Amino acid sequence: MKNLRFGVIGWGYWGPKIARNLEALPHSTLAMVADMDAFRLAKLPLNQPWIQTTTHVKDMLQSDIDAVVIATPVRTHFQLAREALWHDKHVLVEKPLTASVEEAEELVALAQERQRILMVGHTFEYNPAVNELRKLVQSGDLGKIYCVEAERVNLGLFRRDINVIWDLAPHDISILLYLLGKKPERIKVQAHSHLQSHIEDVAHLDLDFADNMNAHIHVSWLHPCKIRRVTVIGDARMVVYDDTNPAEMIKIYNKGADVNADPVVSYRYGAITIPHIDWIEPLRLECEDFAQAIRTGVQPRAHGGIGLEVVRILASAQDILEKQEMQNTEVPV
């Protein structure tokens, strides 16, 4: 089997984590790392002399590597990914795919034209607990899904280049699309800027789907507690996915409410089930899927088209904020 040669663009917080997982893949080599900051590059492990470093991305794009992973600020994603595709490299871009719908559409079309894999770093689609949750939703074990509540809050990390929606909401939007297998029809947004003018640090998104199902997403950089939780409410059972509780990441509640003919609401209370999760690092599974897609030509789970759909929703939310100035309104997605 041919060894795949990977390059990583961006050696900040996420780049080294991606590199570690690429290095662990069979028949794969991390061949090159690019970053504009030579001081960052100097921190690469000395026991990996085969890894070339450069402060010029063009050196990587003109090399014989097969694929690049882009772990840079959002504003740079489009230009870097487009250049990589034009140089016939397979591309994995950290979330969100781009800063606009038009950019995402161009990348998806270009990847198809150049017959290269375009993938986005929606790591939670590879999380074993999220996959268990998806099985419960898709199998019908929860019954008819009424609503989904997602909360992703913490104190920081504050960004100056994007707001909290573009920073944190891509995780939960991608989870929703993956769980439900369908796109929202309408969106409503409320967001507030507290510490930095015109950069929202707290936001609430309401997404309406077909069949009267809705989802609510709360994201914040300004919260005293770290919460990473998704709650799915079905008419048969309910489930809570808590990413901060490794021992009990999934809890299935056999409880609910029914309306009798009177009409009187009756309540059901049953046992709580905690399924066993065979844990594998999601980023490892993501990198494996990227490598497998390159070898086979089969689209990865988090392919560019999925990244485009997430960007559509983010852009719709941003459009509301810019046009309505904090008014709670709704527009088609």
C-alpha atoms as a PDB file:
ATOM      1  CA  MET A   1       0.000   0.000   0.000  1.00  0.00           C
ATOM      2  CA  LYS A   2       1.350   3.403  -0.980  1.00  0.00           C
ATOM      3  CA  ASN A   3       2.375   5.609   1.928  1.00  0.00           C
ATOM      4  CA  LEU A   4       0.383   8.833   2.083  1.00  0.00           C
ATOM      5  CA  ARG A   5       2.412  11.979   2.692  1.00  0.00           C
ATOM      6  CA  PHE A   6       0.580  14.663   4.677  1.00  0.00           C
ATOM      7  CA  GLY A   7       1.278  18.323   5.316  1.00  0.00           C
ATOM      8  CA  VAL A   8      -0.166  20.504   8.082  1.00  0.00           C
ATOM      9  CA  ILE A   9      -0.667  24.241   7.537  1.00  0.00           C
ATOM     10  CA  GLY A  10      -0.854  26.071  10.872  1.00  0.00           C
ATOM     11  CA  TRP A  11       1.061  25.078  14.004  1.00  0.00           C
ATOM     12  CA  GLY A  12      -1.061  26.742  16.683  1.00  0.00           C
ATOM     13  CA  TYR A  13      -3.426  24.997  19.115  1.00  0.00           C
ATOM     14  CA  TRP A  14      -4.965  22.423  16.768  1.00  0.00           C
ATOM     15  CA  GLY A  15      -2.138  21.722  14.319  1.00  0.00           C
ATOM     16  CA  PRO A  16      -0.023  19.580  16.697  1.00  0.00           C
ATOM     17  CA  LYS A  17      -3.072  17.514  17.688  1.00  0.00           C
ATOM     18  CA  ILE A  18      -3.828  16.765  14.045  1.00  0.00           C
ATOM     19  CA  ALA A  19      -0.171  15.967  13.396  1.00  0.00           C
ATOM     20  CA  ARG A  20      -0.072  13.465  16.265  1.00  0.00           C
ATOM     21  CA  ASN A  21      -3.020  11.568  14.804  1.00  0.00           C
ATOM     22  CA  LEU A  22      -1.728  11.670  11.234  1.00  0.00           C
ATOM     23  CA  GLU A  23       1.586  10.243  12.433  1.00  0.00           C
ATOM     24  CA  ALA A  24      -0.256   7.343  14.081  1.00  0.00           C
ATOM     25  CA  LEU A  25      -2.008   6.266  10.875  1.00  0.00           C
ATOM     26  CA  PRO A  26      -0.639   3.152   9.168  1.00  0.00           C
ATOM     27  CA  HIS A  27       1.092   3.696   5.822  1.00  0.00           C
ATOM     28  CA  SER A  28       1.103   7.456   6.398  1.00  0.00           C
ATOM     29  CA  THR A  29       3.749  10.072   7.124  1.00  0.00           C
ATOM     30  CA  LEU A  30       3.620  13.641   8.302  1.00  0.00           C
ATOM     31  CA  ALA A  31       6.089  15.074   5.804  1.00  0.00           C
ATOM     32  CA  MET A  32       5.859  18.838   6.198  1.00  0.00           C
ATOM     33  CA  VAL A  33       4.551  21.579   8.498  1.00  0.00           C
ATOM     34  CA  ALA A  34       4.011  25.186   7.409  1.00  0.00           C
ATOM     35  CA  ASP A  35       3.483  28.217   9.619  1.00  0.00           C
ATOM     36  CA  MET A  36       4.281  31.899   9.174  1.00  0.00           C
ATOM     37  CA  ASP A  37       5.831  31.961  12.658  1.00  0.00           C
ATOM     38  CA  ALA A  38       9.323  30.423  12.627  1.00  0.00           C
ATOM     39  CA  PHE A  39       9.345  30.400  16.436  1.00  0.00           C
ATOM     40  CA  ARG A  40       6.360  28.032  16.461  1.00  0.00           C
ATOM     41  CA  LEU A  41       8.048  25.743  13.968  1.00  0.00           C
ATOM     42  CA  ALA A  42      11.111  25.576  16.192  1.00  0.00           C
ATOM     43  CA  LYS A  43       8.954  23.813  18.799  1.00  0.00           C
ATOM     44  CA  LEU A  44       8.470  20.709  16.645  1.00  0.00           C
ATOM     45  CA  PRO A  45       9.820  17.551  18.317  1.00  0.00           C
ATOM     46  CA  LEU A  46      13.511  17.058  17.631  1.00  0.00           C
ATOM     47  CA  ASN A  47      13.023  13.289  17.378  1.00  0.00           C
ATOM     48  CA  GLN A  48      11.174  13.651  14.064  1.00  0.00           C
ATOM     49  CA  PRO A  49      13.896  14.913  11.703  1.00  0.00           C
ATOM     50  CA  TRP A  50      12.026  13.694   8.630  1.00  0.00           C
ATOM     51  CA  ILE A  51       9.404  16.454   9.046  1.00  0.00           C
ATOM     52  CA  GLN A  52      10.276  19.432   6.888  1.00  0.00           C
ATOM     53  CA  THR A  53       9.246  22.900   8.043  1.00  0.00           C
ATOM     54  CA  THR A  54       8.638  26.058   6.080  1.00  0.00           C
ATOM     55  CA  THR A  55       7.260  29.552   6.569  1.00  0.00           C
ATOM     56  CA  HIS A  56       6.032  29.601   2.954  1.00  0.00           C
ATOM     57  CA  VAL A  57       2.914  27.605   2.089  1.00  0.00           C
ATOM     58  CA  LYS A  58       3.936  27.489  -1.557  1.00  0.00           C
ATOM     59  CA  ASP A  59       6.847  25.199  -0.590  1.00  0.00           C
ATOM     60  CA  MET A  60       4.321  22.646   0.634  1.00  0.00           C
ATOM     61  CA  LEU A  61       1.938  23.030  -2.277  1.00  0.00           C
ATOM     62  CA  GLN A  62       4.750  22.564  -4.789  1.00  0.00           C
ATOM     63  CA  SER A  63       6.069  19.456  -3.000  1.00  0.00           C
ATOM     64  CA  ASP A  64       5.141  15.809  -3.580  1.00  0.00           C
ATOM     65  CA  ILE A  65       2.827  15.521  -0.560  1.00  0.00           C
ATOM     66  CA  ASP A  66      -0.582  13.980  -1.211  1.00  0.00           C
ATOM     67  CA  ALA A  67      -2.800  15.962   1.155  1.00  0.00           C
ATOM     68  CA  VAL A  68      -2.854  19.001   3.409  1.00  0.00           C
ATOM     69  CA  VAL A  69      -4.695  19.772   6.620  1.00  0.00           C
ATOM     70  CA  ILE A  70      -5.482  23.461   7.128  1.00  0.00           C
ATOM     71  CA  ALA A  71      -5.569  24.555  10.782  1.00  0.00           C
ATOM     72  CA  THR A  72      -5.444  28.329  10.421  1.00  0.00           C
ATOM     73  CA  PRO A  73      -7.828  31.259  11.140  1.00  0.00           C
ATOM     74  CA  VAL A  74     -11.164  31.089   9.315  1.00  0.00           C
ATOM     75  CA  ARG A  75     -10.430  34.075   7.098  1.00  0.00           C
ATOM     76  CA  THR A  76      -7.554  32.138   5.497  1.00  0.00           C
ATOM     77  CA  HIS A  77      -9.399  28.864   4.842  1.00  0.00           C
ATOM     78  CA  PHE A  78     -10.728  29.670   1.397  1.00  0.00           C
ATOM     79  CA  GLN A  79      -7.512  30.963  -0.162  1.00  0.00           C
ATOM     80  CA  LEU A  80      -5.367  28.161   1.260  1.00  0.00           C
ATOM     81  CA  ALA A  81      -7.830  25.398   0.360  1.00  0.00           C
ATOM     82  CA  ARG A  82      -8.329  26.748  -3.158  1.00  0.00           C
ATOM     83  CA  GLU A  83      -4.582  26.923  -3.772  1.00  0.00           C
ATOM     84  CA  ALA A  84      -4.119  23.405  -2.421  1.00  0.00           C
ATOM     85  CA  LEU A  85      -6.851  22.012  -4.668  1.00  0.00           C
ATOM     86  CA  TRP A  86      -5.359  23.778  -7.693  1.00  0.00           C
ATOM     87  CA  HIS A  87      -2.095  22.006  -6.853  1.00  0.00           C
ATOM     88  CA  ASP A  88      -4.013  18.684  -6.829  1.00  0.00           C
ATOM     89  CA  LYS A  89      -3.757  18.117  -3.088  1.00  0.00           C
ATOM     90  CA  HIS A  90      -6.521  16.480  -1.067  1.00  0.00           C
ATOM     91  CA  VAL A  91      -7.702  18.923   1.597  1.00  0.00           C
ATOM     92  CA  LEU A  92      -9.026  18.722   5.155  1.00  0.00           C
ATOM     93  CA  VAL A  93     -10.042  22.143   6.511  1.00  0.00           C
ATOM     94  CA  GLU A  94     -10.783  22.860  10.147  1.00  0.00           C
ATOM     95  CA  LYS A  95     -14.283  24.102  10.925  1.00  0.00           C
ATOM     96  CA  PRO A  96     -15.933  26.165   9.650  1.00  0.00           C
ATOM     97  CA  LEU A  97     -15.090  25.359   6.053  1.00  0.00           C
ATOM     98  CA  THR A  98     -15.052  29.012   4.932  1.00  0.00           C
ATOM     99  CA  ALA A  99     -16.248  32.459   5.986  1.00  0.00           C
ATOM    100  CA  SER A 100     -19.018  32.661   3.367  1.00  0.00           C
ATOM    101  CA  VAL A 101     -21.421  30.513   1.369  1.00  0.00           C
ATOM    102  CA  GLU A 102     -19.929  31.656  -1.934  1.00  0.00           C
ATOM    103  CA  GLU A 103     -16.455  30.559  -0.867  1.00  0.00           C
ATOM    104  CA  ALA A 104     -17.703  27.166   0.328  1.00  0.00           C
ATOM    105  CA  GLU A 105     -19.615  26.601  -2.918  1.00  0.00           C
ATOM    106  CA  GLU A 106     -16.500  27.382  -4.949  1.00  0.00           C
ATOM    107  CA  LEU A 107     -14.356  24.944  -2.961  1.00  0.00           C
ATOM    108  CA  VAL A 108     -16.907  22.124  -3.288  1.00  0.00           C
ATOM    109  CA  ALA A 109     -17.134  22.680  -7.051  1.00  0.00           C
ATOM    110  CA  LEU A 110     -13.362  22.910  -7.424  1.00  0.00           C
ATOM    111  CA  ALA A 111     -12.770  19.697  -5.476  1.00  0.00           C
ATOM    112  CA  GLN A 112     -15.210  17.894  -7.743  1.00  0.00           C
ATOM    113  CA  GLU A 113     -13.595  19.367 -10.848  1.00  0.00           C
ATOM    114  CA  ARG A 114     -10.069  18.405  -9.713  1.00  0.00           C
ATOM    115  CA  GLN A 115     -11.291  15.015  -8.436  1.00  0.00           C
ATOM    116  CA  ARG A 116      -9.827  15.609  -5.004  1.00  0.00           C
ATOM    117  CA  ILE A 117     -11.192  14.941  -1.531  1.00  0.00           C
ATOM    118  CA  LEU A 118     -12.448  18.028   0.308  1.00  0.00           C
ATOM    119  CA  MET A 119     -13.239  17.388   3.966  1.00  0.00           C
ATOM    120  CA  VAL A 120     -14.095  19.631   6.918  1.00  0.00           C
ATOM    121  CA  GLY A 121     -13.064  19.111  10.540  1.00  0.00           C
ATOM    122  CA  HIS A 122     -16.454  18.377  12.076  1.00  0.00           C
ATOM    123  CA  THR A 123     -14.797  16.225  14.718  1.00  0.00           C
ATOM    124  CA  PHE A 124     -17.983  15.522  16.680  1.00  0.00           C
ATOM    125  CA  GLU A 125     -19.381  13.526  13.762  1.00  0.00           C
ATOM    126  CA  TYR A 126     -16.639  11.022  14.618  1.00  0.00           C
ATOM    127  CA  ASN A 127     -17.290  11.044  18.368  1.00  0.00           C
ATOM    128  CA  PRO A 128     -18.370   7.512  19.459  1.00  0.00           C
ATOM    129  CA  ALA A 129     -20.922   8.964  21.906  1.00  0.00           C
ATOM    130  CA  VAL A 130     -22.475  11.136  19.186  1.00  0.00           C
ATOM    131  CA  ASN A 131     -22.636   8.085  16.940  1.00  0.00           C
ATOM    132  CA  GLU A 132     -24.464   6.180  19.700  1.00  0.00           C
ATOM    133  CA  LEU A 133     -26.873   9.097  19.979  1.00  0.00           C
ATOM    134  CA  ARG A 134     -27.402   9.066  16.216  1.00  0.00           C
ATOM    135  CA  LYS A 135     -28.247   5.345  16.300  1.00  0.00           C
ATOM    136  CA  LEU A 136     -30.917   6.034  18.934  1.00  0.00           C
ATOM    137  CA  VAL A 137     -32.422   8.845  16.858  1.00  0.00           C
ATOM    138  CA  GLN A 138     -32.280   7.083  13.490  1.00  0.00           C
ATOM    139  CA  SER A 139     -33.560   3.723  14.819  1.00  0.00           C
ATOM    140  CA  GLY A 140     -36.730   5.282  16.188  1.00  0.00           C
ATOM    141  CA  ASP A 141     -35.990   4.113  19.738  1.00  0.00           C
ATOM    142  CA  LEU A 142     -36.761   7.596  21.023  1.00  0.00           C
ATOM    143  CA  GLY A 143     -40.021   7.804  19.087  1.00  0.00           C
ATOM    144  CA  LYS A 144     -40.986  11.017  17.332  1.00  0.00           C
ATOM    145  CA  ILE A 145     -38.376  13.696  18.029  1.00  0.00           C
ATOM    146  CA  TYR A 146     -39.948  16.817  19.479  1.00  0.00           C
ATOM    147  CA  CYS A 147     -36.884  18.977  20.017  1.00  0.00           C
ATOM    148  CA  VAL A 148     -33.130  19.086  20.594  1.00  0.00           C
ATOM    149  CA  GLU A 149     -31.333  21.346  23.070  1.00  0.00           C
ATOM    150  CA  ALA A 150     -27.588  21.995  22.639  1.00  0.00           C
ATOM    151  CA  GLU A 151     -25.444  23.984  25.052  1.00  0.00           C
ATOM    152  CA  ARG A 152     -21.749  24.801  24.499  1.00  0.00           C
ATOM    153  CA  VAL A 153     -20.559  27.413  26.991  1.00  0.00           C
ATOM    154  CA  ASN A 154     -17.419  28.287  28.935  1.00  0.00           C
ATOM    155  CA  LEU A 155     -15.384  31.281  30.093  1.00  0.00           C
ATOM    156  CA  GLY A 156     -13.348  32.004  26.928  1.00  0.00           C
ATOM    157  CA  LEU A 157     -11.548  31.555  24.669  1.00  0.00           C
ATOM    158  CA  PHE A 158     -12.379  35.017  23.318  1.00  0.00           C
ATOM    159  CA  ARG A 159     -11.640  35.626  19.633  1.00  0.00           C
ATOM    160  CA  ARG A 160     -11.052  38.879  17.775  1.00  0.00           C
ATOM    161  CA  ASP A 161     -11.544  37.587  14.241  1.00  0.00           C
ATOM    162  CA  ILE A 162     -14.951  35.860  14.521  1.00  0.00           C
ATOM    163  CA  ASN A 163     -17.907  35.879  16.915  1.00  0.00           C
ATOM    164  CA  VAL A 164     -19.052  33.063  19.178  1.00  0.00           C
ATOM    165  CA  ILE A 165     -21.499  31.741  16.575  1.00  0.00           C
ATOM    166  CA  TRP A 166     -18.807  31.105  13.970  1.00  0.00           C
ATOM    167  CA  ASP A 167     -16.458  29.767  16.652  1.00  0.00           C
ATOM    168  CA  LEU A 168     -18.638  27.341  18.656  1.00  0.00           C
ATOM    169  CA  ALA A 169     -21.933  26.806  16.829  1.00  0.00           C
ATOM    170  CA  PRO A 170     -20.397  24.816  13.920  1.00  0.00           C
ATOM    171  CA  HIS A 171     -19.932  21.927  16.361  1.00  0.00           C
ATOM    172  CA  ASP A 172     -23.591  21.746  17.348  1.00  0.00           C
ATOM    173  CA  ILE A 173     -24.964  22.545  13.898  1.00  0.00           C
ATOM    174  CA  SER A 174     -22.933  19.689  12.426  1.00  0.00           C
ATOM    175  CA  ILE A 175     -24.110  17.399  15.226  1.00  0.00           C
ATOM    176  CA  LEU A 176     -27.744  18.313  14.516  1.00  0.00           C
ATOM    177  CA  LEU A 177     -27.459  17.692  10.778  1.00  0.00           C
ATOM    178  CA  TYR A 178     -25.723  14.377  11.478  1.00  0.00           C
ATOM    179  CA  LEU A 179     -28.265  13.211  14.069  1.00  0.00           C
ATOM    180  CA  LEU A 180     -31.373  14.197  12.159  1.00  0.00           C
ATOM    181  CA  GLY A 181     -30.308  13.662   8.558  1.00  0.00           C
ATOM    182  CA  LYS A 182     -32.152  16.784   7.430  1.00  0.00           C
ATOM    183  CA  LYS A 183     -31.656  20.530   7.155  1.00  0.00           C
ATOM    184  CA  PRO A 184     -33.564  23.268   9.028  1.00  0.00           C
ATOM    185  CA  GLU A 185     -36.151  25.311   7.203  1.00  0.00           C
ATOM    186  CA  ARG A 186     -35.982  28.511   9.273  1.00  0.00           C
ATOM    187  CA  ILE A 187     -33.680  30.070  11.837  1.00  0.00           C
ATOM    188  CA  LYS A 188     -34.036  32.712  14.560  1.00  0.00           C
ATOM    189  CA  VAL A 189     -31.116  34.297  16.390  1.00  0.00           C
ATOM    190  CA  GLN A 190     -30.418  36.430  19.431  1.00  0.00           C
ATOM    191  CA  ALA A 191     -26.853  37.459  20.236  1.00  0.00           C
ATOM    192  CA  HIS A 192     -25.078  40.031  22.383  1.00  0.00           C
ATOM    193  CA  SER A 193     -21.654  41.681  22.518  1.00  0.00           C
ATOM    194  CA  HIS A 194     -20.478  42.311  26.072  1.00  0.00           C
ATOM    195  CA  LEU A 195     -16.688  42.560  26.110  1.00  0.00           C
ATOM    196  CA  GLN A 196     -15.807  43.456  22.508  1.00  0.00           C
ATOM    197  CA  SER A 197     -17.847  45.788  20.343  1.00  0.00           C
ATOM    198  CA  HIS A 198     -19.504  44.065  17.360  1.00  0.00           C
ATOM    199  CA  ILE A 199     -18.129  40.629  18.304  1.00  0.00           C
ATOM    200  CA  GLU A 200     -20.976  38.657  19.866  1.00  0.00           C
ATOM    201  CA  ASP A 201     -19.886  36.531  22.829  1.00  0.00           C
ATOM    202  CA  VAL A 202     -23.282  35.051  23.809  1.00  0.00           C
ATOM    203  CA  ALA A 203     -25.816  33.731  21.302  1.00  0.00           C
ATOM    204  CA  HIS A 204     -29.013  31.673  21.047  1.00  0.00           C
ATOM    205  CA  LEU A 205     -30.072  30.027  17.793  1.00  0.00           C
ATOM    206  CA  ASP A 206     -33.487  28.462  17.160  1.00  0.00           C
ATOM    207  CA  LEU A 207     -33.728  26.143  14.166  1.00  0.00           C
ATOM    208  CA  ASP A 208     -37.091  24.944  12.856  1.00  0.00           C
ATOM    209  CA  PHE A 209     -37.242  21.653  10.965  1.00  0.00           C
ATOM    210  CA  ALA A 210     -40.054  19.874   9.143  1.00  0.00           C
ATOM    211  CA  ASP A 211     -42.694  17.961  11.148  1.00  0.00           C
ATOM    212  CA  ASN A 212     -42.834  20.720  13.779  1.00  0.00           C
ATOM    213  CA  MET A 213     -39.455  19.709  15.210  1.00  0.00           C
ATOM    214  CA  ASN A 214     -37.136  22.408  16.507  1.00  0.00           C
ATOM    215  CA  ALA A 215     -33.673  22.747  17.980  1.00  0.00           C
ATOM    216  CA  HIS A 216     -32.134  25.335  20.258  1.00  0.00           C
ATOM    217  CA  ILE A 217     -28.394  26.096  20.432  1.00  0.00           C
ATOM    218  CA  HIS A 218     -26.839  28.174  23.207  1.00  0.00           C
ATOM    219  CA  VAL A 219     -23.197  29.183  22.753  1.00  0.00           C
ATOM    220  CA  SER A 220     -21.177  31.487  24.988  1.00  0.00           C
ATOM    221  CA  TRP A 221     -17.638  32.579  25.816  1.00  0.00           C
ATOM    222  CA  LEU A 222     -18.999  34.261  28.938  1.00  0.00           C
ATOM    223  CA  HIS A 223     -20.140  31.520  31.310  1.00  0.00           C
ATOM    224  CA  PRO A 224     -18.733  30.361  34.654  1.00  0.00           C
ATOM    225  CA  CYS A 225     -19.099  26.639  33.905  1.00  0.00           C
ATOM    226  CA  LYS A 226     -17.916  24.476  31.036  1.00  0.00           C
ATOM    227  CA  ILE A 227     -20.957  22.765  29.546  1.00  0.00           C
ATOM    228  CA  ARG A 228     -20.961  20.572  26.431  1.00  0.00           C
ATOM    229  CA  ARG A 229     -24.390  18.971  26.360  1.00  0.00           C
ATOM    230  CA  VAL A 230     -26.997  17.853  23.828  1.00  0.00           C
ATOM    231  CA  THR A 231     -30.487  16.774  24.948  1.00  0.00           C
ATOM    232  CA  VAL A 232     -32.838  14.989  22.557  1.00  0.00           C
ATOM    233  CA  ILE A 233     -36.533  14.877  23.525  1.00  0.00           C
ATOM    234  CA  GLY A 234     -38.603  12.119  21.934  1.00  0.00           C
ATOM    235  CA  ASP A 235     -42.182  11.098  22.626  1.00  0.00           C
ATOM    236  CA  ALA A 236     -41.000   7.637  23.756  1.00  0.00           C
ATOM    237  CA  ARG A 237     -37.677   8.340  25.470  1.00  0.00           C
ATOM    238  CA  MET A 238     -35.215  11.150  26.093  1.00  0.00           C
ATOM    239  CA  VAL A 239     -31.405  11.202  25.884  1.00  0.00           C
ATOM    240  CA  VAL A 240     -28.683  13.448  27.280  1.00  0.00           C
ATOM    241  CA  TYR A 241     -25.199  13.490  25.765  1.00  0.00           C
ATOM    242  CA  ASP A 242     -22.698  15.126  28.138  1.00  0.00           C
ATOM    243  CA  ASP A 243     -19.243  15.516  26.630  1.00  0.00           C
ATOM    244  CA  THR A 244     -17.757  16.599  29.983  1.00  0.00           C
ATOM    245  CA  ASN A 245     -18.673  13.319  31.725  1.00  0.00           C
ATOM    246  CA  PRO A 246     -16.532  10.525  30.227  1.00  0.00           C
ATOM    247  CA  ALA A 247     -18.021   7.844  32.496  1.00  0.00           C
ATOM    248  CA  GLU A 248     -21.638   8.645  31.564  1.00  0.00           C
ATOM    249  CA  MET A 249     -21.539  10.403  28.204  1.00  0.00           C
ATOM    250  CA  ILE A 250     -24.932   9.020  27.165  1.00  0.00           C
ATOM    251  CA  LYS A 251     -27.931   8.696  29.494  1.00  0.00           C
ATOM    252  CA  ILE A 252     -31.226   7.338  28.155  1.00  0.00           C
ATOM    253  CA  TYR A 253     -34.276   8.370  30.178  1.00  0.00           C
ATOM    254  CA  ASN A 254     -37.341   6.162  29.857  1.00  0.00           C
ATOM    255  CA  LYS A 255     -39.736   8.961  30.689  1.00  0.00           C
ATOM    256  CA  GLY A 256     -42.149  11.252  28.936  1.00  0.00           C
ATOM    257  CA  ALA A 257     -45.592  12.826  28.889  1.00  0.00           C
ATOM    258  CA  ASP A 258     -48.849  11.922  27.122  1.00  0.00           C
ATOM    259  CA  VAL A 259     -52.113  13.802  26.638  1.00  0.00           C
ATOM    260  CA  ASN A 260     -55.232  11.763  27.325  1.00  0.00           C
ATOM    261  CA  ALA A 261     -58.637  12.313  25.723  1.00  0.00           C
ATOM    262  CA  ASP A 262     -59.810  14.594  28.591  1.00  0.00           C
ATOM    263  CA  PRO A 263     -57.272  16.261  27.810  1.00  0.00           C
ATOM    264  CA  VAL A 264     -55.123  15.573  30.855  1.00  0.00           C
ATOM    265  CA  VAL A 265     -51.349  15.222  30.743  1.00  0.00           C
ATOM    266  CA  SER A 266     -50.067  11.993  32.241  1.00  0.00           C
ATOM    267  CA  TYR A 267     -46.408  11.400  33.015  1.00  0.00           C
ATOM    268  CA  ARG A 268     -44.256   8.287  32.546  1.00  0.00           C
ATOM    269  CA  TYR A 269     -41.219   7.528  34.680  1.00  0.00           C
ATOM    270  CA  GLY A 270     -38.885   4.633  34.029  1.00  0.00           C
ATOM    271  CA  ALA A 271     -35.288   3.539  34.395  1.00  0.00           C
ATOM    272  CA  ILE A 272     -32.193   5.440  33.289  1.00  0.00           C
ATOM    273  CA  THR A 273     -29.909   3.459  30.967  1.00  0.00           C
ATOM    274  CA  ILE A 274     -26.219   4.232  30.474  1.00  0.00           C
ATOM    275  CA  PRO A 275     -24.901   2.377  27.407  1.00  0.00           C
ATOM    276  CA  HIS A 276     -21.265   1.338  27.157  1.00  0.00           C
ATOM    277  CA  ILE A 277     -19.265   3.476  24.721  1.00  0.00           C
ATOM    278  CA  ASP A 278     -16.214   1.961  23.040  1.00  0.00           C
ATOM    279  CA  TRP A 279     -14.075   5.071  23.110  1.00  0.00           C
ATOM    280  CA  ILE A 280     -11.658   6.015  20.338  1.00  0.00           C
ATOM    281  CA  GLU A 281     -10.322   9.545  20.000  1.00  0.00           C
ATOM    282  CA  PRO A 282     -12.632  11.313  17.501  1.00  0.00           C
ATOM    283  CA  LEU A 283      -9.752  13.142  15.857  1.00  0.00           C
ATOM    284  CA  ARG A 284      -8.060   9.799  15.176  1.00  0.00           C
ATOM    285  CA  LEU A 285     -11.239   8.517  13.493  1.00  0.00           C
ATOM    286  CA  GLU A 286     -11.507  11.733  11.487  1.00  0.00           C
ATOM    287  CA  CYS A 287      -7.941  11.372  10.204  1.00  0.00           C
ATOM    288  CA  GLU A 288      -8.561   7.704   9.381  1.00  0.00           C
ATOM    289  CA  ASP A 289     -11.629   8.673   7.348  1.00  0.00           C
ATOM    290  CA  PHE A 290      -9.615  11.296   5.478  1.00  0.00           C
ATOM    291  CA  ALA A 291      -6.910   8.771   4.598  1.00  0.00           C
ATOM    292  CA  GLN A 292      -9.472   6.146   3.598  1.00  0.00           C
ATOM    293  CA  ALA A 293     -11.280   8.635   1.350  1.00  0.00           C
ATOM    294  CA  ILE A 294      -8.005   9.520  -0.376  1.00  0.00           C
ATOM    295  CA  ARG A 295      -7.222   5.843  -1.008  1.00  0.00           C
ATOM    296  CA  THR A 296     -10.688   4.821  -2.212  1.00  0.00           C
ATOM    297  CA  GLY A 297     -12.153   8.017  -3.683  1.00  0.00           C
ATOM    298  CA  VAL A 298     -15.269   7.536  -1.540  1.00  0.00           C
ATOM    299  CA  GLN A 299     -16.557  10.717   0.104  1.00  0.00           C
ATOM    300  CA  PRO A 300     -15.655  10.997   3.808  1.00  0.00           C
ATOM    301  CA  ARG A 301     -18.391  11.374   6.399  1.00  0.00           C
ATOM    302  CA  ALA A 302     -17.702  15.102   6.900  1.00  0.00           C
ATOM    303  CA  HIS A 303     -17.260  15.943   3.228  1.00  0.00           C
ATOM    304  CA  GLY A 304     -17.198  19.417   1.757  1.00  0.00           C
ATOM    305  CA  GLY A 305     -20.926  19.395   1.001  1.00  0.00           C
ATOM    306  CA  ILE A 306     -21.656  18.978   4.708  1.00  0.00           C
ATOM    307  CA  GLY A 307     -19.301  21.839   5.463  1.00  0.00           C
ATOM    308  CA  LEU A 308     -21.199  23.966   2.952  1.00  0.00           C
ATOM    309  CA  GLU A 309     -24.539  23.267   4.662  1.00  0.00           C
ATOM    310  CA  VAL A 310     -23.114  24.312   8.037  1.00  0.00           C
ATOM    311  CA  VAL A 311     -21.744  27.517   6.517  1.00  0.00           C
ATOM    312  CA  ARG A 312     -25.194  28.246   5.011  1.00  0.00           C
ATOM    313  CA  ILE A 313     -26.731  28.172   8.490  1.00  0.00           C
ATOM    314  CA  LEU A 314     -23.933  30.256  10.019  1.00  0.00           C
ATOM    315  CA  ALA A 315     -24.253  32.817   7.241  1.00  0.00           C
ATOM    316  CA  SER A 316     -28.028  33.027   7.738  1.00  0.00           C
ATOM    317  CA  ALA A 317     -27.500  33.691  11.445  1.00  0.00           C
ATOM    318  CA  GLN A 318     -24.908  36.358  10.654  1.00  0.00           C
ATOM    319  CA  ASP A 319     -27.272  37.962   8.160  1.00  0.00           C
ATOM    320  CA  ILE A 320     -29.907  38.318  10.871  1.00  0.00           C
ATOM    321  CA  LEU A 321     -27.452  39.959  13.243  1.00  0.00           C
ATOM    322  CA  GLU A 322     -26.251  42.433  10.663  1.00  0.00           C
ATOM    323  CA  LYS A 323     -29.700  43.382   9.356  1.00  0.00           C
ATOM    324  CA  GLN A 324     -31.824  43.413  12.473  1.00  0.00           C
ATOM    325  CA  GLU A 325     -29.375  44.627  15.124  1.00  0.00           C
ATOM    326  CA  MET A 326     -30.267  42.234  17.906  1.00  0.00           C
ATOM    327  CA  GLN A 327     -33.964  41.946  17.010  1.00  0.00           C
ATOM    328  CA  ASN A 328     -35.326  38.434  17.173  1.00  0.00           C
ATOM    329  CA  THR A 329     -36.453  37.717  13.626  1.00  0.00           C
ATOM    330  CA  GLU A 330     -36.333  34.837  11.181  1.00  0.00           C
ATOM    331  CA  VAL A 331     -35.253  34.290   7.578  1.00  0.00           C
ATOM    332  CA  PRO A 332     -35.198  31.273   5.296  1.00  0.00           C
ATOM    333  CA  VAL A 333     -32.060  29.149   5.523  1.00  0.00           C
END
